[in-house]
Amino acid sequence: MSIGFWQIAIVAVLIVLLFGRGKISSLMGDVAKGIKSFKKGMASDPVEDNTPKNISENQETKNQDNNKKD
């Protein structure tokens, strides 16, 4: 029970009859705009601070500052 060419053709004809060519083409245009917008959003990464952060150094400096105060 595989899907044959004629079954796909009948479904395609029914879809065109129900929705019409204009509505389908506008829908495909909207889908294409959405995909382009998604790709553009994924390509533009937010600007991040390029300096590496080392948590252990921050903790050591805080501990040294606290020891100097005492």
Protein backbone atom coordinates (compact mmCIF):
# COMPACT_ATOMS: atom_id res chain seq x y z
CA MET A 1 0.00 0.00 0.00
CA SER A 2 2.35 2.71 -1.18
CA ILE A 3 1.23 6.11 -2.42
CA GLY A 4 1.28 6.22 -6.19
CA PHE A 5 1.60 9.05 -8.68
CA TRP A 6 -2.13 9.17 -9.44
CA GLN A 7 -3.05 9.48 -5.78
CA ILE A 8 -0.68 12.41 -5.34
CA ALA A 9 -2.03 14.03 -8.53
CA ILE A 10 -5.64 13.72 -7.35
CA VAL A 11 -4.80 15.27 -3.96
CA ALA A 12 -2.93 18.13 -5.69
CA VAL A 13 -5.89 18.83 -8.00
CA LEU A 14 -8.30 18.83 -5.05
CA ILE A 15 -6.11 21.28 -3.13
CA VAL A 16 -5.92 23.63 -6.13
CA LEU A 17 -9.70 23.43 -6.59
CA LEU A 18 -10.39 24.14 -2.92
CA PHE A 19 -7.93 26.97 -2.35
CA GLY A 20 -7.27 28.38 -5.80
CA ARG A 21 -3.95 29.27 -7.36
CA GLY A 22 -3.76 32.81 -5.98
CA LYS A 23 -4.27 31.81 -2.38
CA ILE A 24 -1.70 29.01 -2.57
CA SER A 25 0.94 31.25 -4.17
CA SER A 26 0.42 33.97 -1.56
CA LEU A 27 0.67 31.36 1.19
CA MET A 28 3.95 30.06 -0.26
CA GLY A 29 5.24 33.65 -0.44
CA ASP A 30 4.44 34.15 3.23
CA VAL A 31 6.20 30.90 4.11
CA ALA A 32 9.29 32.01 2.15
CA LYS A 33 9.33 35.38 3.96
CA GLY A 34 9.13 33.58 7.29
CA ILE A 35 12.04 31.31 6.42
CA LYS A 36 14.16 34.27 5.28
CA SER A 37 13.35 36.16 8.46
CA PHE A 38 14.25 33.13 10.58
CA LYS A 39 17.59 32.67 8.80
CA LYS A 40 18.36 36.38 9.17
CA GLY A 41 17.59 36.21 12.88
CA MET A 42 19.81 33.17 13.35
CA ALA A 43 22.69 34.78 11.42
CA SER A 44 22.77 37.98 13.47
CA ASP A 45 24.10 36.99 16.87
CA PRO A 46 23.90 39.47 19.71
CA VAL A 47 27.16 41.25 20.49
CA GLU A 48 28.91 39.50 23.32
CA ASP A 49 31.80 40.55 25.49
CA ASN A 50 34.90 38.91 24.02
CA THR A 51 36.93 39.04 27.23
CA PRO A 52 37.16 35.64 28.87
CA LYS A 53 35.67 35.41 32.30
CA ASN A 54 37.43 33.41 34.95
CA ILE A 55 35.26 32.90 38.01
CA SER A 56 38.07 31.61 40.22
CA GLU A 57 40.08 34.84 39.74
CA ASN A 58 37.06 36.92 40.73
CA GLN A 59 36.59 34.88 43.90
CA GLU A 60 40.29 35.17 44.81
CA THR A 61 40.29 38.96 44.43
CA LYS A 62 37.15 39.25 46.55
CA ASN A 63 38.72 37.08 49.25
CA GLN A 64 41.91 39.17 49.19
CA ASP A 65 39.90 42.39 49.46
CA ASN A 66 37.97 41.00 52.41
CA ASN A 67 41.19 39.90 54.12
CA LYS A 68 42.71 43.39 53.69
CA LYS A 69 39.68 44.99 55.32
CA ASP A 70 39.91 42.72 58.38
